[in-house]
C-alpha atoms as a PDB file:
ATOM      1  CA  MET A   1     129.267  89.727  91.911  1.00  0.00           C
ATOM      2  CA  ALA A   2     127.831  92.191  94.440  1.00  0.00           C
ATOM      3  CA  LYS A   3     128.897  95.095  92.256  1.00  0.00           C
ATOM      4  CA  LYS A   4     127.104  93.551  89.256  1.00  0.00           C
ATOM      5  CA  ARG A   5     123.917  93.038  91.324  1.00  0.00           C
ATOM      6  CA  LYS A   6     124.048  96.651  92.572  1.00  0.00           C
ATOM      7  CA  SER A   7     124.331  98.008  89.035  1.00  0.00           C
ATOM      8  CA  GLN A   8     121.329  95.862  87.991  1.00  0.00           C
ATOM      9  CA  ILE A   9     119.285  97.324  90.861  1.00  0.00           C
ATOM     10  CA  GLU A  10     120.376 100.871  90.006  1.00  0.00           C
ATOM     11  CA  ARG A  11     119.437 100.293  86.354  1.00  0.00           C
ATOM     12  CA  SER A  12     116.050  98.878  87.393  1.00  0.00           C
ATOM     13  CA  VAL A  13     115.399 101.860  89.672  1.00  0.00           C
ATOM     14  CA  GLN A  14     116.346 104.259  86.856  1.00  0.00           C
ATOM     15  CA  GLU A  15     114.037 102.436  84.410  1.00  0.00           C
ATOM     16  CA  ASP A  16     111.165 102.663  86.918  1.00  0.00           C
ATOM     17  CA  LYS A  17     111.803 106.407  87.312  1.00  0.00           C
ATOM     18  CA  GLU A  18     111.733 106.933  83.554  1.00  0.00           C
ATOM     19  CA  THR A  19     108.675 104.728  82.955  1.00  0.00           C
ATOM     20  CA  ASN A  20     106.449 105.972  85.766  1.00  0.00           C
ATOM     21  CA  LYS A  21     107.987 109.348  86.503  1.00  0.00           C
ATOM     22  CA  TRP A  22     105.895 109.829  89.682  1.00  0.00           C
ATOM     23  CA  PHE A  23     106.726 106.585  91.492  1.00  0.00           C
ATOM     24  CA  TRP A  24     109.514 104.034  91.574  1.00  0.00           C
ATOM     25  CA  TRP A  25     110.847 101.182  93.695  1.00  0.00           C
ATOM     26  CA  GLU A  26     114.094 101.130  95.659  1.00  0.00           C
ATOM     27  CA  ASP A  27     114.300  97.457  96.630  1.00  0.00           C
ATOM     28  CA  ASP A  28     111.157  96.924  98.750  1.00  0.00           C
ATOM     29  CA  VAL A  29     110.560 100.648  99.334  1.00  0.00           C
ATOM     30  CA  LEU A  30     107.993 102.504  97.223  1.00  0.00           C
ATOM     31  CA  VAL A  31     108.971 106.125  96.560  1.00  0.00           C
ATOM     32  CA  PHE A  32     106.509 108.581  95.046  1.00  0.00           C
ATOM     33  CA  ASN A  33     105.853 112.281  94.530  1.00  0.00           C
ATOM     34  CA  ILE A  34     102.626 113.935  95.619  1.00  0.00           C
ATOM     35  CA  LEU A  35     100.772 117.093  94.710  1.00  0.00           C
ATOM     36  CA  GLY A  36      98.561 117.615  97.742  1.00  0.00           C
ATOM     37  CA  LYS A  37      95.277 119.468  97.931  1.00  0.00           C
ATOM     38  CA  PRO A  38      94.600 120.387 101.574  1.00  0.00           C
ATOM     39  CA  SER A  39      91.222 121.447 102.986  1.00  0.00           C
ATOM     40  CA  ALA A  40      89.353 119.162 100.569  1.00  0.00           C
ATOM     41  CA  LYS A  41      85.893 117.752 101.329  1.00  0.00           C
ATOM     42  CA  ILE A  42      87.197 114.190 101.455  1.00  0.00           C
ATOM     43  CA  THR A  43      90.595 112.516 101.556  1.00  0.00           C
ATOM     44  CA  LYS A  44      91.184 110.513  98.388  1.00  0.00           C
ATOM     45  CA  ILE A  45      93.827 109.469  95.939  1.00  0.00           C
ATOM     46  CA  GLY A  46      93.479 111.146  92.571  1.00  0.00           C
ATOM     47  CA  LYS A  47      95.256 110.632  89.273  1.00  0.00           C
ATOM     48  CA  PRO A  48      98.863 111.111  88.228  1.00  0.00           C
ATOM     49  CA  PHE A  49      99.673 114.625  87.081  1.00  0.00           C
ATOM     50  CA  GLY A  50     103.065 114.863  85.389  1.00  0.00           C
ATOM     51  CA  ASN A  51     105.625 113.577  87.854  1.00  0.00           C
ATOM     52  CA  GLN A  52     103.236 113.704  90.840  1.00  0.00           C
ATOM     53  CA  LEU A  53     100.169 111.915  92.147  1.00  0.00           C
ATOM     54  CA  LYS A  54      97.288 114.176  93.123  1.00  0.00           C
ATOM     55  CA  ILE A  55      95.912 113.480  96.604  1.00  0.00           C
ATOM     56  CA  SER A  56      93.124 115.472  98.272  1.00  0.00           C
ATOM     57  CA  VAL A  57      93.316 115.790 102.052  1.00  0.00           C
ATOM     58  CA  ALA A  58      90.408 116.690 104.335  1.00  0.00           C
ATOM     59  CA  ALA A  59      92.584 118.600 106.790  1.00  0.00           C
ATOM     60  CA  ALA A  60      93.735 122.184 106.997  1.00  0.00           C
ATOM     61  CA  PRO A  61      97.383 122.938 106.186  1.00  0.00           C
ATOM     62  CA  VAL A  62      98.176 124.174 109.685  1.00  0.00           C
ATOM     63  CA  ASN A  63     101.457 123.158 111.357  1.00  0.00           C
ATOM     64  CA  GLY A  64     101.769 120.031 109.208  1.00  0.00           C
ATOM     65  CA  LYS A  65      98.367 118.614 110.201  1.00  0.00           C
ATOM     66  CA  ALA A  66      97.383 117.967 106.572  1.00  0.00           C
ATOM     67  CA  THR A  67     100.584 115.953 106.098  1.00  0.00           C
ATOM     68  CA  ASP A  68      99.930 114.005 109.308  1.00  0.00           C
ATOM     69  CA  HIS A  69      96.406 113.253 108.090  1.00  0.00           C
ATOM     70  CA  LEU A  70      97.816 112.203 104.701  1.00  0.00           C
ATOM     71  CA  VAL A  71     100.306 109.795 106.303  1.00  0.00           C
ATOM     72  CA  LYS A  72      97.578 108.162 108.431  1.00  0.00           C
ATOM     73  CA  PHE A  73      95.338 107.789 105.382  1.00  0.00           C
ATOM     74  CA  LEU A  74      98.107 106.318 103.228  1.00  0.00           C
ATOM     75  CA  ALA A  75      99.207 103.926 105.984  1.00  0.00           C
ATOM     76  CA  LYS A  76      95.744 102.342 105.833  1.00  0.00           C
ATOM     77  CA  GLU A  77      95.795 102.288 102.020  1.00  0.00           C
ATOM     78  CA  PHE A  78      99.181 100.521 101.923  1.00  0.00           C
ATOM     79  CA  GLY A  79      98.520  98.267 104.924  1.00  0.00           C
ATOM     80  CA  VAL A  80     101.474  99.592 106.930  1.00  0.00           C
ATOM     81  CA  LYS A  81     102.015 101.501 110.173  1.00  0.00           C
ATOM     82  CA  ASN A  82     102.359 105.289 110.174  1.00  0.00           C
ATOM     83  CA  LYS A  83     106.047 104.964 111.085  1.00  0.00           C
ATOM     84  CA  ASP A  84     106.625 102.983 107.861  1.00  0.00           C
ATOM     85  CA  ILE A  85     105.918 106.098 105.792  1.00  0.00           C
ATOM     86  CA  GLU A  86     108.679 108.688 105.594  1.00  0.00           C
ATOM     87  CA  VAL A  87     108.079 112.208 104.319  1.00  0.00           C
ATOM     88  CA  VAL A  88     111.335 112.801 102.452  1.00  0.00           C
ATOM     89  CA  PHE A  89     110.527 116.444 101.720  1.00  0.00           C
ATOM     90  CA  GLY A  90     107.553 118.789 101.638  1.00  0.00           C
ATOM     91  CA  ARG A  91     106.123 118.363 105.128  1.00  0.00           C
ATOM     92  CA  MET A  92     104.870 121.961 105.025  1.00  0.00           C
ATOM     93  CA  ASN A  93     104.294 122.123 101.262  1.00  0.00           C
ATOM     94  CA  VAL A  94     101.819 120.729  98.717  1.00  0.00           C
ATOM     95  CA  ASN A  95     104.743 119.160  96.818  1.00  0.00           C
ATOM     96  CA  LYS A  96     105.966 116.108  98.706  1.00  0.00           C
ATOM     97  CA  GLN A  97     107.966 112.962  98.308  1.00  0.00           C
ATOM     98  CA  LEU A  98     107.132 109.896 100.408  1.00  0.00           C
ATOM     99  CA  ARG A  99     108.794 106.545 101.004  1.00  0.00           C
ATOM    100  CA  VAL A 100     106.638 103.574 102.012  1.00  0.00           C
ATOM    101  CA  MET A 101     108.575 100.703 103.557  1.00  0.00           C
ATOM    102  CA  GLN A 102     107.369  97.257 102.424  1.00  0.00           C
ATOM    103  CA  PRO A 103     103.778  98.091 101.437  1.00  0.00           C
ATOM    104  CA  LYS A 104     101.406  95.162 102.007  1.00  0.00           C
ATOM    105  CA  ARG A 105      99.017  96.279  99.251  1.00  0.00           C
ATOM    106  CA  LEU A 106      98.935  98.910  96.524  1.00  0.00           C
ATOM    107  CA  PRO A 107      96.137 101.302  95.601  1.00  0.00           C
ATOM    108  CA  SER A 108      95.006 100.689  92.019  1.00  0.00           C
ATOM    109  CA  VAL A 109      96.674 103.828  90.648  1.00  0.00           C
ATOM    110  CA  PHE A 110     100.082 102.221  91.388  1.00  0.00           C
ATOM    111  CA  LYS A 111      99.161  99.096  89.432  1.00  0.00           C
ATOM    112  CA  GLU A 112      98.228 100.987  86.245  1.00  0.00           C
ATOM    113  CA  ARG A 113     100.963 101.574  83.691  1.00  0.00           C
END
């Protein structure tokens, strides 16, 4: 039975990846790809662009400070603590992947399909 449930979850995750391309769910963890724009005037969530979500960050890309600023901003947006957001890859790059553990709320761009 557990094997059947696991395959259902894997199929659901794969369907989410194909449908949304830039974000998907792994159980209660939201995973998404970001195209960051550091040194912007304001920090804001933009629109999906291919398989990434554009996010402008009002911090310079120096020693990962823009990523730190991004994580703090997104923690407030999702209603979680900073430690609940994992930067999977791209800490020092504009292309990133993040995992948000049990988000309490979702920005509107995640609700649109």
